[in-house]
């Protein structure tokens, strides 16, 4: 579920509440226990769609982006992903 125009969560459900679908992958490389580097890559499949249409488009949208997600192996994430440290 998206946020409203002021950046707040919707408190009441309605069929027109906007939804977005994001997908991506994260790779964690540990240098030592609980410390290391994240490589992450994500993208938006759709944004701001009213909830009542999401069930009708969800499968098609997910299948549309499957080929792109299949590229997201460890090498791809290291080359094209956002790098950040953790721990």
PDB file of N, CA and C in Angstrom:
ATOM      1  N   UNK A   1       0.850  -1.162   0.000  1.00  0.00           N
ATOM      2  CA  UNK A   1       0.000   0.000   0.000  1.00  0.00           C
ATOM      3  C   UNK A   1       0.899   1.229   0.000  1.00  0.00           C
ATOM      4  N   UNK A   2       0.578   2.187  -0.830  1.00  0.00           N
ATOM      5  CA  UNK A   2       1.342   3.424  -0.882  1.00  0.00           C
ATOM      6  C   UNK A   2       0.955   4.333   0.276  1.00  0.00           C
ATOM      7  N   UNK A   3       1.652   5.457   0.351  1.00  0.00           N
ATOM      8  CA  UNK A   3       1.333   6.478   1.341  1.00  0.00           C
ATOM      9  C   UNK A   3       0.433   7.532   0.705  1.00  0.00           C
ATOM     10  N   UNK A   4      -0.237   8.312   1.556  1.00  0.00           N
ATOM     11  CA  UNK A   4      -1.086   9.377   1.021  1.00  0.00           C
ATOM     12  C   UNK A   4      -0.218  10.553   0.557  1.00  0.00           C
ATOM     13  N   UNK A   5      -0.844  11.613   0.081  1.00  0.00           N
ATOM     14  CA  UNK A   5      -0.114  12.767  -0.467  1.00  0.00           C
ATOM     15  C   UNK A   5       0.774  13.458   0.560  1.00  0.00           C
ATOM     16  N   UNK A   6       0.496  13.264   1.833  1.00  0.00           N
ATOM     17  CA  UNK A   6       1.290  13.881   2.894  1.00  0.00           C
ATOM     18  C   UNK A   6       2.340  12.926   3.464  1.00  0.00           C
ATOM     19  N   UNK A   7       2.475  11.741   2.861  1.00  0.00           N
ATOM     20  CA  UNK A   7       3.466  10.777   3.299  1.00  0.00           C
ATOM     21  C   UNK A   7       3.043   9.920   4.476  1.00  0.00           C
ATOM     22  N   UNK A   8       1.756   9.881   4.765  1.00  0.00           N
ATOM     23  CA  UNK A   8       1.236   9.083   5.873  1.00  0.00           C
ATOM     24  C   UNK A   8       0.555   7.825   5.357  1.00  0.00           C
ATOM     25  N   UNK A   9       0.480   6.820   6.238  1.00  0.00           N
ATOM     26  CA  UNK A   9      -0.244   5.602   5.885  1.00  0.00           C
ATOM     27  C   UNK A   9      -1.743   5.880   5.856  1.00  0.00           C
ATOM     28  N   UNK A  10      -2.428   5.144   5.010  1.00  0.00           N
ATOM     29  CA  UNK A  10      -3.885   5.219   4.989  1.00  0.00           C
ATOM     30  C   UNK A  10      -4.413   4.508   6.225  1.00  0.00           C
ATOM     31  N   UNK A  11      -5.351   5.117   6.902  1.00  0.00           N
ATOM     32  CA  UNK A  11      -5.916   4.534   8.121  1.00  0.00           C
ATOM     33  C   UNK A  11      -7.151   3.685   7.828  1.00  0.00           C
ATOM     34  N   UNK A  12      -7.789   3.934   6.698  1.00  0.00           N
ATOM     35  CA  UNK A  12      -8.979   3.173   6.324  1.00  0.00           C
ATOM     36  C   UNK A  12      -8.802   2.633   4.913  1.00  0.00           C
ATOM     37  N   UNK A  13      -9.206   1.389   4.756  1.00  0.00           N
ATOM     38  CA  UNK A  13      -9.097   0.755   3.448  1.00  0.00           C
ATOM     39  C   UNK A  13     -10.245   1.211   2.554  1.00  0.00           C
ATOM     40  N   UNK A  14      -9.930   1.388   1.292  1.00  0.00           N
ATOM     41  CA  UNK A  14     -10.955   1.577   0.261  1.00  0.00           C
ATOM     42  C   UNK A  14     -10.433   0.917  -1.004  1.00  0.00           C
ATOM     43  N   UNK A  15     -11.313   0.637  -1.918  1.00  0.00           N
ATOM     44  CA  UNK A  15     -10.912  -0.041  -3.143  1.00  0.00           C
ATOM     45  C   UNK A  15     -10.005   0.814  -4.020  1.00  0.00           C
ATOM     46  N   UNK A  16      -9.923   2.104  -3.732  1.00  0.00           N
ATOM     47  CA  UNK A  16      -9.102   3.004  -4.533  1.00  0.00           C
ATOM     48  C   UNK A  16      -7.759   3.365  -3.897  1.00  0.00           C
ATOM     49  N   UNK A  17      -7.463   2.797  -2.732  1.00  0.00           N
ATOM     50  CA  UNK A  17      -6.168   3.056  -2.100  1.00  0.00           C
ATOM     51  C   UNK A  17      -5.069   2.624  -3.069  1.00  0.00           C
ATOM     52  N   UNK A  18      -4.060   3.478  -3.290  1.00  0.00           N
ATOM     53  CA  UNK A  18      -3.018   3.151  -4.267  1.00  0.00           C
ATOM     54  C   UNK A  18      -2.015   2.113  -3.753  1.00  0.00           C
ATOM     55  N   UNK A  19      -1.640   1.214  -4.650  1.00  0.00           N
ATOM     56  CA  UNK A  19      -0.652   0.170  -4.369  1.00  0.00           C
ATOM     57  C   UNK A  19       0.463   0.250  -5.399  1.00  0.00           C
ATOM     58  N   UNK A  20       1.657  -0.158  -4.964  1.00  0.00           N
ATOM     59  CA  UNK A  20       2.807  -0.251  -5.854  1.00  0.00           C
ATOM     60  C   UNK A  20       3.452  -1.615  -5.669  1.00  0.00           C
ATOM     61  N   UNK A  21       4.149  -2.063  -6.684  1.00  0.00           N
ATOM     62  CA  UNK A  21       4.881  -3.325  -6.623  1.00  0.00           C
ATOM     63  C   UNK A  21       6.328  -3.040  -6.974  1.00  0.00           C
ATOM     64  N   UNK A  22       7.220  -3.439  -6.075  1.00  0.00           N
ATOM     65  CA  UNK A  22       8.650  -3.300  -6.270  1.00  0.00           C
ATOM     66  C   UNK A  22       9.257  -4.695  -6.222  1.00  0.00           C
ATOM     67  N   UNK A  23      10.365  -4.885  -6.910  1.00  0.00           N
ATOM     68  CA  UNK A  23      11.065  -6.156  -6.801  1.00  0.00           C
ATOM     69  C   UNK A  23      12.557  -5.909  -6.912  1.00  0.00           C
ATOM     70  N   UNK A  24      13.322  -6.893  -6.502  1.00  0.00           N
ATOM     71  CA  UNK A  24      14.757  -6.752  -6.549  1.00  0.00           C
ATOM     72  C   UNK A  24      15.427  -7.881  -5.798  1.00  0.00           C
ATOM     73  N   UNK A  25      16.703  -7.667  -5.494  1.00  0.00           N
ATOM     74  CA  UNK A  25      17.484  -8.690  -4.803  1.00  0.00           C
ATOM     75  C   UNK A  25      18.553  -8.025  -3.945  1.00  0.00           C
ATOM     76  N   UNK A  26      18.969  -8.762  -2.930  1.00  0.00           N
ATOM     77  CA  UNK A  26      20.037  -8.318  -2.033  1.00  0.00           C
ATOM     78  C   UNK A  26      21.039  -9.461  -1.894  1.00  0.00           C
ATOM     79  N   UNK A  27      22.306  -9.119  -1.949  1.00  0.00           N
ATOM     80  CA  UNK A  27      23.384 -10.064  -1.717  1.00  0.00           C
ATOM     81  C   UNK A  27      24.159  -9.586  -0.495  1.00  0.00           C
ATOM     82  N   UNK A  28      24.316 -10.452   0.482  1.00  0.00           N
ATOM     83  CA  UNK A  28      25.110 -10.120   1.672  1.00  0.00           C
ATOM     84  C   UNK A  28      26.419 -10.880   1.609  1.00  0.00           C
ATOM     85  N   UNK A  29      27.523 -10.155   1.710  1.00  0.00           N
ATOM     86  CA  UNK A  29      28.844 -10.778   1.783  1.00  0.00           C
ATOM     87  C   UNK A  29      29.406 -10.483   3.166  1.00  0.00           C
ATOM     88  N   UNK A  30      29.647 -11.531   3.908  1.00  0.00           N
ATOM     89  CA  UNK A  30      30.130 -11.386   5.273  1.00  0.00           C
ATOM     90  C   UNK A  30      31.647 -11.349   5.306  1.00  0.00           C
ATOM     91  N   UNK A  31      32.205 -10.304   5.948  1.00  0.00           N
ATOM     92  CA  UNK A  31      33.649 -10.209   6.170  1.00  0.00           C
ATOM     93  C   UNK A  31      33.999 -10.952   7.450  1.00  0.00           C
ATOM     94  N   UNK A  32      33.116 -10.872   8.413  1.00  0.00           N
ATOM     95  CA  UNK A  32      33.209 -11.619   9.660  1.00  0.00           C
ATOM     96  C   UNK A  32      31.787 -11.721  10.191  1.00  0.00           C
ATOM     97  N   UNK A  33      31.600 -12.420  11.299  1.00  0.00           N
ATOM     98  CA  UNK A  33      30.236 -12.636  11.799  1.00  0.00           C
ATOM     99  C   UNK A  33      29.523 -11.302  12.005  1.00  0.00           C
ATOM    100  N   UNK A  34      28.368 -11.159  11.359  1.00  0.00           N
ATOM    101  CA  UNK A  34      27.493  -9.983  11.465  1.00  0.00           C
ATOM    102  C   UNK A  34      28.091  -8.693  10.913  1.00  0.00           C
ATOM    103  N   UNK A  35      29.162  -8.768  10.128  1.00  0.00           N
ATOM    104  CA  UNK A  35      29.747  -7.581   9.483  1.00  0.00           C
ATOM    105  C   UNK A  35      30.034  -7.916   8.032  1.00  0.00           C
ATOM    106  N   UNK A  36      29.782  -6.957   7.169  1.00  0.00           N
ATOM    107  CA  UNK A  36      30.058  -7.195   5.765  1.00  0.00           C
ATOM    108  C   UNK A  36      29.489  -6.121   4.875  1.00  0.00           C
ATOM    109  N   UNK A  37      29.128  -6.514   3.664  1.00  0.00           N
ATOM    110  CA  UNK A  37      28.648  -5.585   2.640  1.00  0.00           C
ATOM    111  C   UNK A  37      27.378  -6.119   2.002  1.00  0.00           C
ATOM    112  N   UNK A  38      26.426  -5.220   1.805  1.00  0.00           N
ATOM    113  CA  UNK A  38      25.208  -5.524   1.044  1.00  0.00           C
ATOM    114  C   UNK A  38      25.379  -4.987  -0.363  1.00  0.00           C
ATOM    115  N   UNK A  39      24.871  -5.716  -1.328  1.00  0.00           N
ATOM    116  CA  UNK A  39      24.719  -5.229  -2.692  1.00  0.00           C
ATOM    117  C   UNK A  39      23.233  -5.390  -3.014  1.00  0.00           C
ATOM    118  N   UNK A  40      22.568  -4.305  -3.340  1.00  0.00           N
ATOM    119  CA  UNK A  40      21.124  -4.388  -3.579  1.00  0.00           C
ATOM    120  C   UNK A  40      20.744  -3.668  -4.865  1.00  0.00           C
ATOM    121  N   UNK A  41      19.751  -4.210  -5.515  1.00  0.00           N
ATOM    122  CA  UNK A  41      19.235  -3.629  -6.759  1.00  0.00           C
ATOM    123  C   UNK A  41      17.736  -3.865  -6.763  1.00  0.00           C
ATOM    124  N   UNK A  42      16.962  -2.805  -6.995  1.00  0.00           N
ATOM    125  CA  UNK A  42      15.508  -2.959  -7.062  1.00  0.00           C
ATOM    126  C   UNK A  42      14.933  -2.000  -8.090  1.00  0.00           C
ATOM    127  N   UNK A  43      13.680  -2.202  -8.409  1.00  0.00           N
ATOM    128  CA  UNK A  43      12.994  -1.322  -9.347  1.00  0.00           C
ATOM    129  C   UNK A  43      11.493  -1.423  -9.127  1.00  0.00           C
ATOM    130  N   UNK A  44      10.794  -0.477  -9.700  1.00  0.00           N
ATOM    131  CA  UNK A  44       9.341  -0.403  -9.569  1.00  0.00           C
ATOM    132  C   UNK A  44       8.689  -1.108 -10.743  1.00  0.00           C
ATOM    133  N   UNK A  45       7.794  -2.037 -10.447  1.00  0.00           N
ATOM    134  CA  UNK A  45       7.017  -2.706 -11.494  1.00  0.00           C
ATOM    135  C   UNK A  45       5.797  -1.866 -11.860  1.00  0.00           C
ATOM    136  N   UNK A  46       5.078  -1.414 -10.844  1.00  0.00           N
ATOM    137  CA  UNK A  46       4.001  -0.441 -11.063  1.00  0.00           C
ATOM    138  C   UNK A  46       3.848   0.389  -9.811  1.00  0.00           C
ATOM    139  N   UNK A  47       3.218   1.544  -9.983  1.00  0.00           N
ATOM    140  CA  UNK A  47       3.092   2.464  -8.863  1.00  0.00           C
ATOM    141  C   UNK A  47       1.748   3.184  -8.917  1.00  0.00           C
ATOM    142  N   UNK A  48       1.141   3.355  -7.737  1.00  0.00           N
ATOM    143  CA  UNK A  48      -0.066   4.150  -7.630  1.00  0.00           C
ATOM    144  C   UNK A  48      -1.315   3.543  -8.238  1.00  0.00           C
ATOM    145  N   UNK A  49      -1.327   2.231  -8.419  1.00  0.00           N
ATOM    146  CA  UNK A  49      -2.511   1.585  -9.004  1.00  0.00           C
ATOM    147  C   UNK A  49      -3.580   1.411  -7.930  1.00  0.00           C
ATOM    148  N   UNK A  50      -4.831   1.727  -8.237  1.00  0.00           N
ATOM    149  CA  UNK A  50      -5.897   1.507  -7.259  1.00  0.00           C
ATOM    150  C   UNK A  50      -6.016   0.018  -6.922  1.00  0.00           C
ATOM    151  N   UNK A  51      -6.230  -0.269  -5.645  1.00  0.00           N
ATOM    152  CA  UNK A  51      -6.240  -1.650  -5.174  1.00  0.00           C
ATOM    153  C   UNK A  51      -7.171  -2.539  -5.987  1.00  0.00           C
ATOM    154  N   UNK A  52      -8.314  -2.031  -6.375  1.00  0.00           N
ATOM    155  CA  UNK A  52      -9.288  -2.905  -7.036  1.00  0.00           C
ATOM    156  C   UNK A  52      -8.807  -3.442  -8.386  1.00  0.00           C
ATOM    157  N   UNK A  53      -7.788  -2.842  -8.996  1.00  0.00           N
ATOM    158  CA  UNK A  53      -7.286  -3.394 -10.266  1.00  0.00           C
ATOM    159  C   UNK A  53      -6.062  -4.297 -10.071  1.00  0.00           C
ATOM    160  N   UNK A  54      -5.440  -4.247  -8.887  1.00  0.00           N
ATOM    161  CA  UNK A  54      -4.214  -5.016  -8.650  1.00  0.00           C
ATOM    162  C   UNK A  54      -4.399  -6.518  -8.874  1.00  0.00           C
ATOM    163  N   UNK A  55      -5.457  -7.153  -8.360  1.00  0.00           N
ATOM    164  CA  UNK A  55      -5.584  -8.601  -8.608  1.00  0.00           C
ATOM    165  C   UNK A  55      -5.619  -8.954 -10.093  1.00  0.00           C
ATOM    166  N   UNK A  56      -6.153  -8.083 -10.921  1.00  0.00           N
ATOM    167  CA  UNK A  56      -6.232  -8.361 -12.348  1.00  0.00           C
ATOM    168  C   UNK A  56      -4.935  -8.154 -13.109  1.00  0.00           C
ATOM    169  N   UNK A  57      -3.987  -7.404 -12.545  1.00  0.00           N
ATOM    170  CA  UNK A  57      -2.734  -7.118 -13.256  1.00  0.00           C
ATOM    171  C   UNK A  57      -1.499  -7.729 -12.596  1.00  0.00           C
ATOM    172  N   UNK A  58      -1.640  -8.236 -11.385  1.00  0.00           N
ATOM    173  CA  UNK A  58      -0.480  -8.665 -10.616  1.00  0.00           C
ATOM    174  C   UNK A  58       0.339  -9.750 -11.314  1.00  0.00           C
ATOM    175  N   UNK A  59      -0.309 -10.818 -11.743  1.00  0.00           N
ATOM    176  CA  UNK A  59       0.430 -11.919 -12.381  1.00  0.00           C
ATOM    177  C   UNK A  59       1.142 -11.454 -13.652  1.00  0.00           C
ATOM    178  N   UNK A  60       0.447 -10.711 -14.489  1.00  0.00           N
ATOM    179  CA  UNK A  60       1.045 -10.221 -15.730  1.00  0.00           C
ATOM    180  C   UNK A  60       2.249  -9.320 -15.440  1.00  0.00           C
ATOM    181  N   UNK A  61       2.124  -8.448 -14.462  1.00  0.00           N
ATOM    182  CA  UNK A  61       3.227  -7.554 -14.113  1.00  0.00           C
ATOM    183  C   UNK A  61       4.421  -8.338 -13.566  1.00  0.00           C
ATOM    184  N   UNK A  62       4.159  -9.322 -12.731  1.00  0.00           N
ATOM    185  CA  UNK A  62       5.251 -10.127 -12.183  1.00  0.00           C
ATOM    186  C   UNK A  62       5.959 -10.909 -13.285  1.00  0.00           C
ATOM    187  N   UNK A  63       5.209 -11.475 -14.198  1.00  0.00           N
ATOM    188  CA  UNK A  63       5.808 -12.227 -15.295  1.00  0.00           C
ATOM    189  C   UNK A  63       6.597 -11.315 -16.237  1.00  0.00           C
ATOM    190  N   UNK A  64       6.128 -10.103 -16.403  1.00  0.00           N
ATOM    191  CA  UNK A  64       6.810  -9.147 -17.276  1.00  0.00           C
ATOM    192  C   UNK A  64       8.229  -8.853 -16.776  1.00  0.00           C
ATOM    193  N   UNK A  65       8.418  -8.823 -15.474  1.00  0.00           N
ATOM    194  CA  UNK A  65       9.722  -8.475 -14.901  1.00  0.00           C
ATOM    195  C   UNK A  65      10.574  -9.686 -14.534  1.00  0.00           C
ATOM    196  N   UNK A  66      10.059 -10.882 -14.718  1.00  0.00           N
ATOM    197  CA  UNK A  66      10.805 -12.086 -14.365  1.00  0.00           C
ATOM    198  C   UNK A  66      12.115 -12.202 -15.136  1.00  0.00           C
ATOM    199  N   UNK A  67      12.116 -11.907 -16.411  1.00  0.00           N
ATOM    200  CA  UNK A  67      13.347 -12.000 -17.222  1.00  0.00           C
ATOM    201  C   UNK A  67      14.414 -11.046 -16.694  1.00  0.00           C
ATOM    202  N   UNK A  68      14.012  -9.865 -16.286  1.00  0.00           N
ATOM    203  CA  UNK A  68      14.967  -8.913 -15.722  1.00  0.00           C
ATOM    204  C   UNK A  68      15.530  -9.432 -14.401  1.00  0.00           C
ATOM    205  N   UNK A  69      14.674  -9.961 -13.545  1.00  0.00           N
ATOM    206  CA  UNK A  69      15.132 -10.492 -12.260  1.00  0.00           C
ATOM    207  C   UNK A  69      16.076 -11.675 -12.416  1.00  0.00           C
ATOM    208  N   UNK A  70      15.906 -12.435 -13.461  1.00  0.00           N
ATOM    209  CA  UNK A  70      16.787 -13.596 -13.676  1.00  0.00           C
ATOM    210  C   UNK A  70      18.240 -13.182 -13.909  1.00  0.00           C
ATOM    211  N   UNK A  71      18.475 -11.927 -14.269  1.00  0.00           N
ATOM    212  CA  UNK A  71      19.835 -11.414 -14.450  1.00  0.00           C
ATOM    213  C   UNK A  71      20.521 -11.129 -13.115  1.00  0.00           C
ATOM    214  N   UNK A  72      19.770 -11.073 -12.053  1.00  0.00           N
ATOM    215  CA  UNK A  72      20.280 -10.627 -10.760  1.00  0.00           C
ATOM    216  C   UNK A  72      21.044 -11.731 -10.035  1.00  0.00           C
ATOM    217  N   UNK A  73      22.169 -12.156 -10.591  1.00  0.00           N
ATOM    218  CA  UNK A  73      23.028 -13.095  -9.886  1.00  0.00           C
ATOM    219  C   UNK A  73      24.059 -12.297  -9.080  1.00  0.00           C
ATOM    220  N   UNK A  74      24.957 -12.983  -8.391  1.00  0.00           N
ATOM    221  CA  UNK A  74      25.925 -12.316  -7.520  1.00  0.00           C
ATOM    222  C   UNK A  74      26.788 -11.317  -8.297  1.00  0.00           C
ATOM    223  N   UNK A  75      27.272 -11.699  -9.463  1.00  0.00           N
ATOM    224  CA  UNK A  75      28.117 -10.789 -10.250  1.00  0.00           C
ATOM    225  C   UNK A  75      27.353  -9.550 -10.690  1.00  0.00           C
ATOM    226  N   UNK A  76      26.110  -9.726 -11.130  1.00  0.00           N
ATOM    227  CA  UNK A  76      25.295  -8.590 -11.555  1.00  0.00           C
ATOM    228  C   UNK A  76      25.087  -7.621 -10.393  1.00  0.00           C
ATOM    229  N   UNK A  77      24.762  -8.152  -9.214  1.00  0.00           N
ATOM    230  CA  UNK A  77      24.520  -7.290  -8.057  1.00  0.00           C
ATOM    231  C   UNK A  77      25.781  -6.535  -7.643  1.00  0.00           C
ATOM    232  N   UNK A  78      26.934  -7.179  -7.717  1.00  0.00           N
ATOM    233  CA  UNK A  78      28.185  -6.501  -7.365  1.00  0.00           C
ATOM    234  C   UNK A  78      28.511  -5.394  -8.358  1.00  0.00           C
ATOM    235  N   UNK A  79      28.197  -5.619  -9.631  1.00  0.00           N
ATOM    236  CA  UNK A  79      28.489  -4.640 -10.674  1.00  0.00           C
ATOM    237  C   UNK A  79      27.497  -3.488 -10.724  1.00  0.00           C
ATOM    238  N   UNK A  80      26.215  -3.799 -10.548  1.00  0.00           N
ATOM    239  CA  UNK A  80      25.164  -2.804 -10.787  1.00  0.00           C
ATOM    240  C   UNK A  80      24.371  -2.407  -9.537  1.00  0.00           C
ATOM    241  N   UNK A  81      24.601  -3.098  -8.455  1.00  0.00           N
ATOM    242  CA  UNK A  81      23.815  -2.823  -7.248  1.00  0.00           C
ATOM    243  C   UNK A  81      24.388  -1.701  -6.409  1.00  0.00           C
ATOM    244  N   UNK A  82      23.568  -1.250  -5.488  1.00  0.00           N
ATOM    245  CA  UNK A  82      24.002  -0.252  -4.510  1.00  0.00           C
ATOM    246  C   UNK A  82      24.756  -0.989  -3.398  1.00  0.00           C
ATOM    247  N   UNK A  83      25.949  -0.478  -3.081  1.00  0.00           N
ATOM    248  CA  UNK A  83      26.784  -1.122  -2.070  1.00  0.00           C
ATOM    249  C   UNK A  83      26.670  -0.389  -0.741  1.00  0.00           C
ATOM    250  N   UNK A  84      26.481  -1.114   0.337  1.00  0.00           N
ATOM    251  CA  UNK A  84      26.465  -0.549   1.678  1.00  0.00           C
ATOM    252  C   UNK A  84      27.033  -1.539   2.683  1.00  0.00           C
ATOM    253  N   UNK A  85      27.598  -0.993   3.733  1.00  0.00           N
ATOM    254  CA  UNK A  85      28.172  -1.817   4.794  1.00  0.00           C
ATOM    255  C   UNK A  85      27.154  -2.080   5.883  1.00  0.00           C
ATOM    256  N   UNK A  86      27.322  -3.179   6.589  1.00  0.00           N
ATOM    257  CA  UNK A  86      26.479  -3.473   7.742  1.00  0.00           C
ATOM    258  C   UNK A  86      27.335  -4.035   8.857  1.00  0.00           C
ATOM    259  N   UNK A  87      26.811  -3.922  10.060  1.00  0.00           N
ATOM    260  CA  UNK A  87      27.477  -4.499  11.231  1.00  0.00           C
ATOM    261  C   UNK A  87      28.318  -3.587  11.996  1.00  0.00           C
TER     262      UNK A  87
END
